[in-house]
Amino acid sequence: MELELRDNVSLGDSGLQLLCEGLKHPDCKLQRLGLGHCSLTAACCGDLFSASSTSQCLTELELENKKLGDSQVHLLWEGPPDCKKQKIQLPSCGHTTACCGNLSSVLSTSQTLTELDLKNNTIRDSGVQLLCEGLKHPNCKLQKLGLEKCDFTAACCGELSSALSTSPTLAELDLRENKLEDSGVKLLCEGLTQPACNLQKLVLSKWHVTKETQAELDAVKKIKPDLVIER
């Protein structure tokens, strides 16, 4: 059901191709595959797409490889309507704003994707704004989004705030190590206080919480006492 191959740097694209042959077999029951730091490149994305689209059981894929980049990464989350992928982890994969349009489209259409981790990718403000378009779509099923250290600022917090106040399912959001500043946190608080906001856990960096923002967060807690705010 679960296979963890993290840190096998000699695996590479050719080794993954062989693994994918097994994944596509109708008798394969694997549910989770971990391939972090296995020296994979964008060339492997087609094989992974084919395998994950064929597999009847694979729901979770973890890839932490700086060489993946944007060129073929859309294949990792695309798939047929009955694709089973529920959780995709892509930290430190060299992704940029360029991949966020496709990903936003997937967020608005996937019936199964509930967790997405984009930690330590250069998503920037424009990328977050694109992701928010998908988050706000009524068909979005995402529950957990990791955006730690994604190089964005307060400039996109208005869109994030809007997404928080409209997303039907988003329950957990990690925003650590981004330059939110007081103005960004204040905008987020406006979304958090909206009745339609379903967020249950917000993760910030300690330096996001100043005297001013602490007052804003305290006001949010009075309205949403069950919301967990970690820092």
C-alpha atoms as a PDB file:
ATOM      1  CA  MET A   1       0.000   0.000   0.000  1.00  0.00           C
ATOM      2  CA  GLU A   2       2.888   2.395   0.670  1.00  0.00           C
ATOM      3  CA  LEU A   3       6.375   2.673  -0.836  1.00  0.00           C
ATOM      4  CA  GLU A   4       8.958   5.226   0.319  1.00  0.00           C
ATOM      5  CA  LEU A   5      12.040   5.640  -1.888  1.00  0.00           C
ATOM      6  CA  ARG A   6      13.228   9.066  -0.691  1.00  0.00           C
ATOM      7  CA  ASP A   7      16.923   9.953  -1.083  1.00  0.00           C
ATOM      8  CA  ASN A   8      17.745   7.228  -3.591  1.00  0.00           C
ATOM      9  CA  VAL A   9      19.665   9.537  -5.908  1.00  0.00           C
ATOM     10  CA  SER A  10      20.606   6.742  -8.314  1.00  0.00           C
ATOM     11  CA  LEU A  11      16.984   5.878  -9.078  1.00  0.00           C
ATOM     12  CA  GLY A  12      16.594   8.557 -11.765  1.00  0.00           C
ATOM     13  CA  ASP A  13      14.142   8.694 -14.646  1.00  0.00           C
ATOM     14  CA  SER A  14      15.083   5.266 -16.001  1.00  0.00           C
ATOM     15  CA  GLY A  15      14.405   3.570 -12.674  1.00  0.00           C
ATOM     16  CA  LEU A  16      11.083   5.346 -12.371  1.00  0.00           C
ATOM     17  CA  GLN A  17      10.050   4.104 -15.801  1.00  0.00           C
ATOM     18  CA  LEU A  18      10.431   0.535 -14.541  1.00  0.00           C
ATOM     19  CA  LEU A  19       8.433   1.296 -11.393  1.00  0.00           C
ATOM     20  CA  CYS A  20       5.653   2.783 -13.494  1.00  0.00           C
ATOM     21  CA  GLU A  21       5.244  -0.515 -15.337  1.00  0.00           C
ATOM     22  CA  GLY A  22       4.260  -2.079 -12.025  1.00  0.00           C
ATOM     23  CA  LEU A  23       2.028   0.832 -11.061  1.00  0.00           C
ATOM     24  CA  LYS A  24       0.008   0.424 -14.259  1.00  0.00           C
ATOM     25  CA  HIS A  25      -0.668  -3.272 -13.646  1.00  0.00           C
ATOM     26  CA  PRO A  26      -4.348  -3.865 -12.817  1.00  0.00           C
ATOM     27  CA  ASP A  27      -3.384  -5.882  -9.720  1.00  0.00           C
ATOM     28  CA  CYS A  28      -1.253  -3.062  -8.224  1.00  0.00           C
ATOM     29  CA  LYS A  29      -2.706  -1.897  -4.883  1.00  0.00           C
ATOM     30  CA  LEU A  30      -0.169   0.835  -4.042  1.00  0.00           C
ATOM     31  CA  GLN A  31      -1.766   3.904  -2.463  1.00  0.00           C
ATOM     32  CA  ARG A  32       1.219   6.126  -1.594  1.00  0.00           C
ATOM     33  CA  LEU A  33       4.539   6.607  -3.417  1.00  0.00           C
ATOM     34  CA  GLY A  34       7.369   8.747  -2.002  1.00  0.00           C
ATOM     35  CA  LEU A  35      10.066   9.831  -4.482  1.00  0.00           C
ATOM     36  CA  GLY A  36      11.721  12.807  -2.820  1.00  0.00           C
ATOM     37  CA  HIS A  37      15.362  13.521  -3.814  1.00  0.00           C
ATOM     38  CA  CYS A  38      15.556  10.677  -6.321  1.00  0.00           C
ATOM     39  CA  SER A  39      17.247  12.719  -9.098  1.00  0.00           C
ATOM     40  CA  LEU A  40      14.137  12.830 -11.246  1.00  0.00           C
ATOM     41  CA  THR A  41      13.713  15.386 -14.024  1.00  0.00           C
ATOM     42  CA  ALA A  42      10.812  16.736 -16.081  1.00  0.00           C
ATOM     43  CA  ALA A  43      11.330  13.800 -18.460  1.00  0.00           C
ATOM     44  CA  CYS A  44       9.707  11.455 -15.932  1.00  0.00           C
ATOM     45  CA  CYS A  45       6.422  13.355 -15.706  1.00  0.00           C
ATOM     46  CA  GLY A  46       4.873  11.608 -18.702  1.00  0.00           C
ATOM     47  CA  ASP A  47       5.520   8.184 -17.196  1.00  0.00           C
ATOM     48  CA  LEU A  48       4.129   9.251 -13.837  1.00  0.00           C
ATOM     49  CA  PHE A  49       1.066  10.741 -15.520  1.00  0.00           C
ATOM     50  CA  SER A  50       0.395   7.530 -17.391  1.00  0.00           C
ATOM     51  CA  ALA A  51       0.891   5.382 -14.302  1.00  0.00           C
ATOM     52  CA  SER A  52      -1.153   7.516 -11.907  1.00  0.00           C
ATOM     53  CA  SER A  53      -3.960   7.864 -14.461  1.00  0.00           C
ATOM     54  CA  THR A  54      -4.076   4.096 -14.938  1.00  0.00           C
ATOM     55  CA  SER A  55      -3.706   3.081 -11.304  1.00  0.00           C
ATOM     56  CA  GLN A  56      -6.959   2.330  -9.520  1.00  0.00           C
ATOM     57  CA  CYS A  57      -5.468   2.847  -6.060  1.00  0.00           C
ATOM     58  CA  LEU A  58      -2.670   5.464  -6.096  1.00  0.00           C
ATOM     59  CA  THR A  59      -3.930   8.487  -4.148  1.00  0.00           C
ATOM     60  CA  GLU A  60      -0.771  10.121  -2.771  1.00  0.00           C
ATOM     61  CA  LEU A  61       2.397  11.199  -4.589  1.00  0.00           C
ATOM     62  CA  GLU A  62       5.396  12.895  -2.953  1.00  0.00           C
ATOM     63  CA  LEU A  63       8.068  14.449  -5.164  1.00  0.00           C
ATOM     64  CA  GLU A  64      10.807  16.720  -3.887  1.00  0.00           C
ATOM     65  CA  ASN A  65      13.192  17.204  -6.798  1.00  0.00           C
ATOM     66  CA  LYS A  66      14.642  20.552  -7.813  1.00  0.00           C
ATOM     67  CA  LYS A  67      15.046  19.469 -11.449  1.00  0.00           C
ATOM     68  CA  LEU A  68      11.345  18.950 -12.172  1.00  0.00           C
ATOM     69  CA  GLY A  69      10.600  22.590 -13.028  1.00  0.00           C
ATOM     70  CA  ASP A  70       7.497  23.844 -14.835  1.00  0.00           C
ATOM     71  CA  SER A  71       7.731  22.376 -18.336  1.00  0.00           C
ATOM     72  CA  GLN A  72       5.950  19.051 -17.755  1.00  0.00           C
ATOM     73  CA  VAL A  73       4.792  19.337 -14.152  1.00  0.00           C
ATOM     74  CA  HIS A  74       1.151  19.877 -15.161  1.00  0.00           C
ATOM     75  CA  LEU A  75       1.087  16.189 -16.091  1.00  0.00           C
ATOM     76  CA  LEU A  76       1.506  15.247 -12.423  1.00  0.00           C
ATOM     77  CA  TRP A  77      -1.887  16.581 -11.407  1.00  0.00           C
ATOM     78  CA  GLU A  78      -3.835  16.210 -14.633  1.00  0.00           C
ATOM     79  CA  GLY A  79      -5.686  13.029 -15.375  1.00  0.00           C
ATOM     80  CA  PRO A  80      -8.990  11.517 -16.512  1.00  0.00           C
ATOM     81  CA  PRO A  81     -12.218  12.339 -14.607  1.00  0.00           C
ATOM     82  CA  ASP A  82     -11.880   9.178 -12.511  1.00  0.00           C
ATOM     83  CA  CYS A  83      -8.263   9.916 -11.480  1.00  0.00           C
ATOM     84  CA  LYS A  84      -7.831   9.030  -7.793  1.00  0.00           C
ATOM     85  CA  LYS A  85      -5.054  11.433  -6.721  1.00  0.00           C
ATOM     86  CA  GLN A  86      -5.954  13.010  -3.384  1.00  0.00           C
ATOM     87  CA  LYS A  87      -2.630  14.321  -2.071  1.00  0.00           C
ATOM     88  CA  ILE A  88       0.284  15.784  -4.056  1.00  0.00           C
ATOM     89  CA  GLN A  89       3.484  16.996  -2.391  1.00  0.00           C
ATOM     90  CA  LEU A  90       5.828  19.051  -4.571  1.00  0.00           C
ATOM     91  CA  PRO A  91       8.184  20.909  -2.203  1.00  0.00           C
ATOM     92  CA  SER A  92      11.433  22.326  -3.596  1.00  0.00           C
ATOM     93  CA  CYS A  93      10.658  21.249  -7.167  1.00  0.00           C
ATOM     94  CA  GLY A  94      11.785  24.397  -8.971  1.00  0.00           C
ATOM     95  CA  HIS A  95       8.234  25.450  -9.806  1.00  0.00           C
ATOM     96  CA  THR A  96       7.425  29.076 -10.615  1.00  0.00           C
ATOM     97  CA  THR A  97       4.424  31.246 -11.432  1.00  0.00           C
ATOM     98  CA  ALA A  98       4.375  29.612 -14.885  1.00  0.00           C
ATOM     99  CA  CYS A  99       2.750  26.419 -13.592  1.00  0.00           C
ATOM    100  CA  CYS A 100       0.033  28.090 -11.521  1.00  0.00           C
ATOM    101  CA  GLY A 101      -2.468  28.682 -14.307  1.00  0.00           C
ATOM    102  CA  ASN A 102      -2.726  24.967 -15.051  1.00  0.00           C
ATOM    103  CA  LEU A 103      -2.813  24.131 -11.372  1.00  0.00           C
ATOM    104  CA  SER A 104      -5.604  26.642 -10.759  1.00  0.00           C
ATOM    105  CA  SER A 105      -7.638  24.917 -13.461  1.00  0.00           C
ATOM    106  CA  VAL A 106      -7.086  21.559 -11.776  1.00  0.00           C
ATOM    107  CA  LEU A 107      -8.206  22.963  -8.409  1.00  0.00           C
ATOM    108  CA  SER A 108     -11.460  24.063  -9.973  1.00  0.00           C
ATOM    109  CA  THR A 109     -12.193  20.727 -11.653  1.00  0.00           C
ATOM    110  CA  SER A 110     -10.639  17.865  -9.660  1.00  0.00           C
ATOM    111  CA  GLN A 111     -13.147  15.878  -7.668  1.00  0.00           C
ATOM    112  CA  THR A 112     -10.496  14.138  -5.543  1.00  0.00           C
ATOM    113  CA  LEU A 113      -7.524  16.460  -4.869  1.00  0.00           C
ATOM    114  CA  THR A 114      -7.715  17.505  -1.204  1.00  0.00           C
ATOM    115  CA  GLU A 115      -4.080  18.276  -0.255  1.00  0.00           C
ATOM    116  CA  LEU A 116      -1.389  20.198  -2.132  1.00  0.00           C
ATOM    117  CA  ASP A 117       2.058  21.139  -0.826  1.00  0.00           C
ATOM    118  CA  LEU A 118       4.069  23.688  -2.838  1.00  0.00           C
ATOM    119  CA  LYS A 119       6.601  24.561  -0.139  1.00  0.00           C
ATOM    120  CA  ASN A 120       9.830  26.268  -1.210  1.00  0.00           C
ATOM    121  CA  ASN A 121       8.838  27.011  -4.802  1.00  0.00           C
ATOM    122  CA  THR A 122       9.052  30.457  -6.422  1.00  0.00           C
ATOM    123  CA  ILE A 123       5.305  30.934  -6.801  1.00  0.00           C
ATOM    124  CA  ARG A 124       5.345  34.696  -6.081  1.00  0.00           C
ATOM    125  CA  ASP A 125       2.334  37.039  -5.872  1.00  0.00           C
ATOM    126  CA  SER A 126       1.045  36.449  -9.393  1.00  0.00           C
ATOM    127  CA  GLY A 127       1.178  32.683  -8.882  1.00  0.00           C
ATOM    128  CA  VAL A 128      -0.772  32.851  -5.618  1.00  0.00           C
ATOM    129  CA  GLN A 129      -3.369  35.039  -7.309  1.00  0.00           C
ATOM    130  CA  LEU A 130      -3.832  32.383  -9.985  1.00  0.00           C
ATOM    131  CA  LEU A 131      -4.172  29.648  -7.364  1.00  0.00           C
ATOM    132  CA  CYS A 132      -6.828  31.708  -5.590  1.00  0.00           C
ATOM    133  CA  GLU A 133      -8.961  31.678  -8.727  1.00  0.00           C
ATOM    134  CA  GLY A 134      -9.089  27.900  -8.456  1.00  0.00           C
ATOM    135  CA  LEU A 135      -9.655  27.954  -4.698  1.00  0.00           C
ATOM    136  CA  LYS A 136     -12.683  30.211  -5.076  1.00  0.00           C
ATOM    137  CA  HIS A 137     -14.347  27.956  -7.626  1.00  0.00           C
ATOM    138  CA  PRO A 138     -17.423  26.215  -6.135  1.00  0.00           C
ATOM    139  CA  ASN A 139     -16.185  22.845  -7.418  1.00  0.00           C
ATOM    140  CA  CYS A 140     -12.809  23.065  -5.638  1.00  0.00           C
ATOM    141  CA  LYS A 141     -12.352  20.248  -3.114  1.00  0.00           C
ATOM    142  CA  LEU A 142      -8.955  21.274  -1.688  1.00  0.00           C
ATOM    143  CA  GLN A 143      -8.763  21.064   2.112  1.00  0.00           C
ATOM    144  CA  LYS A 144      -5.074  21.662   2.827  1.00  0.00           C
ATOM    145  CA  LEU A 145      -2.671  24.017   1.021  1.00  0.00           C
ATOM    146  CA  GLY A 146       1.033  24.440   1.840  1.00  0.00           C
ATOM    147  CA  LEU A 147       2.616  27.688   0.624  1.00  0.00           C
ATOM    148  CA  GLU A 148       5.567  27.941   3.007  1.00  0.00           C
ATOM    149  CA  LYS A 149       8.509  29.878   1.587  1.00  0.00           C
ATOM    150  CA  CYS A 150       6.934  30.590  -1.810  1.00  0.00           C
ATOM    151  CA  ASP A 151       8.347  34.114  -2.219  1.00  0.00           C
ATOM    152  CA  PHE A 152       5.112  36.118  -2.126  1.00  0.00           C
ATOM    153  CA  THR A 153       4.209  39.331  -0.297  1.00  0.00           C
ATOM    154  CA  ALA A 154       1.275  41.326   1.052  1.00  0.00           C
ATOM    155  CA  ALA A 155       0.407  42.199  -2.567  1.00  0.00           C
ATOM    156  CA  CYS A 156      -1.469  38.906  -3.001  1.00  0.00           C
ATOM    157  CA  CYS A 157      -3.100  38.808   0.437  1.00  0.00           C
ATOM    158  CA  GLY A 158      -6.258  40.509  -0.797  1.00  0.00           C
ATOM    159  CA  GLU A 159      -6.831  37.589  -3.174  1.00  0.00           C
ATOM    160  CA  LEU A 160      -5.961  35.098  -0.451  1.00  0.00           C
ATOM    161  CA  SER A 161      -8.419  36.800   1.881  1.00  0.00           C
ATOM    162  CA  SER A 162     -11.130  36.562  -0.757  1.00  0.00           C
ATOM    163  CA  ALA A 163     -10.356  32.876  -1.267  1.00  0.00           C
ATOM    164  CA  LEU A 164     -10.575  32.234   2.478  1.00  0.00           C
ATOM    165  CA  SER A 165     -13.990  33.838   2.633  1.00  0.00           C
ATOM    166  CA  THR A 166     -15.386  31.885  -0.328  1.00  0.00           C
ATOM    167  CA  SER A 167     -13.623  28.498  -0.508  1.00  0.00           C
ATOM    168  CA  PRO A 168     -16.153  25.797   0.369  1.00  0.00           C
ATOM    169  CA  THR A 169     -13.598  23.288   1.677  1.00  0.00           C
ATOM    170  CA  LEU A 170     -10.216  24.880   2.549  1.00  0.00           C
ATOM    171  CA  ALA A 171      -9.481  23.971   6.174  1.00  0.00           C
ATOM    172  CA  GLU A 172      -5.706  24.378   6.583  1.00  0.00           C
ATOM    173  CA  LEU A 173      -3.304  26.969   5.143  1.00  0.00           C
ATOM    174  CA  ASP A 174       0.464  27.254   5.754  1.00  0.00           C
ATOM    175  CA  LEU A 175       1.958  30.682   4.946  1.00  0.00           C
ATOM    176  CA  ARG A 176       5.263  30.561   6.828  1.00  0.00           C
ATOM    177  CA  GLU A 177       8.409  32.295   5.561  1.00  0.00           C
ATOM    178  CA  ASN A 178       6.691  34.756   3.221  1.00  0.00           C
ATOM    179  CA  LYS A 179       6.854  38.562   3.384  1.00  0.00           C
ATOM    180  CA  LEU A 180       3.282  39.188   4.502  1.00  0.00           C
ATOM    181  CA  GLU A 181       4.023  42.232   6.722  1.00  0.00           C
ATOM    182  CA  ASP A 182       1.332  43.811   8.913  1.00  0.00           C
ATOM    183  CA  SER A 183      -0.763  44.876   5.922  1.00  0.00           C
ATOM    184  CA  GLY A 184      -0.909  41.339   4.560  1.00  0.00           C
ATOM    185  CA  VAL A 185      -1.910  39.760   7.863  1.00  0.00           C
ATOM    186  CA  LYS A 186      -4.586  42.415   8.304  1.00  0.00           C
ATOM    187  CA  LEU A 187      -6.068  41.552   4.899  1.00  0.00           C
ATOM    188  CA  LEU A 188      -6.072  37.857   5.792  1.00  0.00           C
ATOM    189  CA  CYS A 189      -7.923  38.614   9.008  1.00  0.00           C
ATOM    190  CA  GLU A 190     -10.687  40.295   7.039  1.00  0.00           C
ATOM    191  CA  GLY A 191     -11.290  37.052   5.175  1.00  0.00           C
ATOM    192  CA  LEU A 192     -11.002  34.905   8.288  1.00  0.00           C
ATOM    193  CA  THR A 193     -13.828  36.769  10.014  1.00  0.00           C
ATOM    194  CA  GLN A 194     -16.296  36.194   7.192  1.00  0.00           C
ATOM    195  CA  PRO A 195     -19.123  33.749   8.054  1.00  0.00           C
ATOM    196  CA  ALA A 196     -18.410  31.659   4.933  1.00  0.00           C
ATOM    197  CA  CYS A 197     -14.750  31.079   5.897  1.00  0.00           C
ATOM    198  CA  ASN A 198     -14.267  27.420   6.842  1.00  0.00           C
ATOM    199  CA  LEU A 199     -10.556  27.566   7.737  1.00  0.00           C
ATOM    200  CA  GLN A 200      -9.669  25.541  10.825  1.00  0.00           C
ATOM    201  CA  LYS A 201      -5.891  26.074  10.959  1.00  0.00           C
ATOM    202  CA  LEU A 202      -3.633  28.933   9.840  1.00  0.00           C
ATOM    203  CA  VAL A 203       0.161  28.663  10.142  1.00  0.00           C
ATOM    204  CA  LEU A 204       2.244  31.861  10.218  1.00  0.00           C
ATOM    205  CA  SER A 205       5.861  32.660  11.032  1.00  0.00           C
ATOM    206  CA  LYS A 206       6.590  34.191  14.432  1.00  0.00           C
ATOM    207  CA  TRP A 207       7.753  37.417  12.839  1.00  0.00           C
ATOM    208  CA  HIS A 208       4.390  37.837  11.107  1.00  0.00           C
ATOM    209  CA  VAL A 209       2.868  38.569  14.510  1.00  0.00           C
ATOM    210  CA  THR A 210       3.630  42.080  15.705  1.00  0.00           C
ATOM    211  CA  LYS A 211       1.776  44.091  18.307  1.00  0.00           C
ATOM    212  CA  GLU A 212      -0.580  45.373  15.622  1.00  0.00           C
ATOM    213  CA  THR A 213      -1.246  42.016  13.976  1.00  0.00           C
ATOM    214  CA  GLN A 214      -1.687  40.293  17.340  1.00  0.00           C
ATOM    215  CA  ALA A 215      -4.611  42.594  18.023  1.00  0.00           C
ATOM    216  CA  GLU A 216      -6.099  41.680  14.630  1.00  0.00           C
ATOM    217  CA  LEU A 217      -5.625  37.965  15.272  1.00  0.00           C
ATOM    218  CA  ASP A 218      -7.154  38.278  18.744  1.00  0.00           C
ATOM    219  CA  ALA A 219     -10.212  39.872  17.180  1.00  0.00           C
ATOM    220  CA  VAL A 220     -10.463  36.962  14.750  1.00  0.00           C
ATOM    221  CA  LYS A 221     -10.266  34.452  17.605  1.00  0.00           C
ATOM    222  CA  LYS A 222     -13.196  36.137  19.333  1.00  0.00           C
ATOM    223  CA  ILE A 223     -15.318  35.595  16.247  1.00  0.00           C
ATOM    224  CA  LYS A 224     -13.867  32.164  15.343  1.00  0.00           C
ATOM    225  CA  PRO A 225     -12.785  30.598  18.674  1.00  0.00           C
ATOM    226  CA  ASP A 226     -12.215  27.180  17.098  1.00  0.00           C
ATOM    227  CA  LEU A 227      -9.676  28.495  14.566  1.00  0.00           C
ATOM    228  CA  VAL A 228      -6.127  27.344  15.382  1.00  0.00           C
ATOM    229  CA  ILE A 229      -3.456  29.937  14.574  1.00  0.00           C
ATOM    230  CA  GLU A 230       0.069  28.494  14.819  1.00  0.00           C
ATOM    231  CA  ARG A 231       3.305  30.474  14.708  1.00  0.00           C
END
